[in-house]
């Protein structure tokens, strides 16, 4: 799904995060799970347009710092 405010891939408007672009083409009740059953299989080849490649550039170490825990003994 696109981010709120980016251009919608289905309509001529800004994204409202409605989730419609994540719906299955064959069963609108289901979220797409990339099963590829909607791609026509009688063709000699199949093509999918790649709009964007997202590379994870976040440093996960900065989001969740290491926490130190101490185990209490009955003596303490």
C-alpha atoms as a PDB file:
ATOM      1  CA  UNK A   1       0.000   0.000   0.000  1.00  0.00           C
ATOM      2  CA  UNK A   2       1.165   3.503  -0.746  1.00  0.00           C
ATOM      3  CA  UNK A   3       1.702   6.035   2.002  1.00  0.00           C
ATOM      4  CA  UNK A   4      -1.001   8.550   2.830  1.00  0.00           C
ATOM      5  CA  UNK A   5      -0.743  11.549   0.505  1.00  0.00           C
ATOM      6  CA  UNK A   6       1.170   9.822  -2.330  1.00  0.00           C
ATOM      7  CA  UNK A   7      -0.581   9.344  -5.661  1.00  0.00           C
ATOM      8  CA  UNK A   8      -3.028   6.428  -5.773  1.00  0.00           C
ATOM      9  CA  UNK A   9      -2.153   3.556  -8.140  1.00  0.00           C
ATOM     10  CA  UNK A  10      -5.811   2.841  -8.978  1.00  0.00           C
ATOM     11  CA  UNK A  11      -7.559   6.205  -9.016  1.00  0.00           C
ATOM     12  CA  UNK A  12      -6.651   9.715 -10.129  1.00  0.00           C
ATOM     13  CA  UNK A  13      -6.300  11.052  -6.577  1.00  0.00           C
ATOM     14  CA  UNK A  14      -4.023  11.020  -3.557  1.00  0.00           C
ATOM     15  CA  UNK A  15      -3.707   7.872  -1.458  1.00  0.00           C
ATOM     16  CA  UNK A  16      -6.179   7.655   1.408  1.00  0.00           C
ATOM     17  CA  UNK A  17      -4.804   4.307   2.662  1.00  0.00           C
ATOM     18  CA  UNK A  18      -8.100   2.600   1.798  1.00  0.00           C
ATOM     19  CA  UNK A  19      -6.275  -0.680   1.085  1.00  0.00           C
ATOM     20  CA  UNK A  20      -8.038  -1.301  -2.233  1.00  0.00           C
ATOM     21  CA  UNK A  21      -4.683  -1.760  -4.003  1.00  0.00           C
ATOM     22  CA  UNK A  22      -3.881  -4.654  -1.641  1.00  0.00           C
ATOM     23  CA  UNK A  23      -7.062  -6.598  -2.483  1.00  0.00           C
ATOM     24  CA  UNK A  24      -7.048  -9.828  -4.497  1.00  0.00           C
ATOM     25  CA  UNK A  25      -8.177  -9.445  -8.134  1.00  0.00           C
ATOM     26  CA  UNK A  26     -10.186 -12.690  -8.002  1.00  0.00           C
ATOM     27  CA  UNK A  27     -11.658 -12.437  -4.489  1.00  0.00           C
ATOM     28  CA  UNK A  28     -12.201  -8.895  -3.229  1.00  0.00           C
ATOM     29  CA  UNK A  29     -12.720 -10.199   0.320  1.00  0.00           C
ATOM     30  CA  UNK A  30      -9.100 -11.424   0.445  1.00  0.00           C
ATOM     31  CA  UNK A  31      -5.860  -9.471   0.769  1.00  0.00           C
ATOM     32  CA  UNK A  32      -3.404 -10.269  -2.019  1.00  0.00           C
ATOM     33  CA  UNK A  33      -0.931 -12.973  -0.988  1.00  0.00           C
ATOM     34  CA  UNK A  34       0.982 -13.007  -4.303  1.00  0.00           C
ATOM     35  CA  UNK A  35      -0.406 -16.394  -5.387  1.00  0.00           C
ATOM     36  CA  UNK A  36      -0.330 -15.133  -9.038  1.00  0.00           C
ATOM     37  CA  UNK A  37      -3.589 -16.905  -9.962  1.00  0.00           C
ATOM     38  CA  UNK A  38      -4.810 -13.618 -11.446  1.00  0.00           C
ATOM     39  CA  UNK A  39      -2.023 -13.588 -14.066  1.00  0.00           C
ATOM     40  CA  UNK A  40      -3.223 -14.969 -17.401  1.00  0.00           C
ATOM     41  CA  UNK A  41      -1.554 -18.349 -17.867  1.00  0.00           C
ATOM     42  CA  UNK A  42      -2.337 -18.863 -21.589  1.00  0.00           C
ATOM     43  CA  UNK A  43       0.160 -16.206 -22.658  1.00  0.00           C
ATOM     44  CA  UNK A  44       3.660 -17.070 -23.866  1.00  0.00           C
ATOM     45  CA  UNK A  45       5.110 -14.882 -21.146  1.00  0.00           C
ATOM     46  CA  UNK A  46       3.915 -12.940 -18.128  1.00  0.00           C
ATOM     47  CA  UNK A  47       5.020  -9.498 -17.136  1.00  0.00           C
ATOM     48  CA  UNK A  48       4.617  -7.539 -13.967  1.00  0.00           C
ATOM     49  CA  UNK A  49       5.456  -3.850 -13.810  1.00  0.00           C
ATOM     50  CA  UNK A  50       7.780  -3.037 -10.920  1.00  0.00           C
ATOM     51  CA  UNK A  51       7.082   0.489  -9.754  1.00  0.00           C
ATOM     52  CA  UNK A  52       9.519   0.737  -6.889  1.00  0.00           C
ATOM     53  CA  UNK A  53      12.214  -1.232  -5.089  1.00  0.00           C
ATOM     54  CA  UNK A  54      12.314  -0.494  -1.384  1.00  0.00           C
ATOM     55  CA  UNK A  55      15.578  -1.137   0.394  1.00  0.00           C
ATOM     56  CA  UNK A  56      15.491  -1.297   4.165  1.00  0.00           C
ATOM     57  CA  UNK A  57      17.911   1.387   5.271  1.00  0.00           C
ATOM     58  CA  UNK A  58      16.805   1.573   8.893  1.00  0.00           C
ATOM     59  CA  UNK A  59      19.271   0.684  11.602  1.00  0.00           C
ATOM     60  CA  UNK A  60      17.228  -1.562  13.872  1.00  0.00           C
ATOM     61  CA  UNK A  61      19.748  -1.136  16.671  1.00  0.00           C
ATOM     62  CA  UNK A  62      18.710   2.497  17.126  1.00  0.00           C
ATOM     63  CA  UNK A  63      15.003   1.712  17.481  1.00  0.00           C
ATOM     64  CA  UNK A  64      15.260  -0.846  20.255  1.00  0.00           C
ATOM     65  CA  UNK A  65      18.172  -0.218  22.606  1.00  0.00           C
ATOM     66  CA  UNK A  66      19.437  -3.139  24.632  1.00  0.00           C
ATOM     67  CA  UNK A  67      17.819  -3.351  28.046  1.00  0.00           C
ATOM     68  CA  UNK A  68      19.615  -4.797  31.035  1.00  0.00           C
ATOM     69  CA  UNK A  69      17.655  -6.986  33.403  1.00  0.00           C
ATOM     70  CA  UNK A  70      18.627  -8.164  36.862  1.00  0.00           C
ATOM     71  CA  UNK A  71      17.307 -11.243  38.547  1.00  0.00           C
ATOM     72  CA  UNK A  72      16.415 -10.642  42.170  1.00  0.00           C
ATOM     73  CA  UNK A  73      17.596 -13.201  44.641  1.00  0.00           C
ATOM     74  CA  UNK A  74      15.885 -13.800  47.933  1.00  0.00           C
ATOM     75  CA  UNK A  75      19.113 -12.606  49.599  1.00  0.00           C
ATOM     76  CA  UNK A  76      18.871  -9.087  48.048  1.00  0.00           C
END
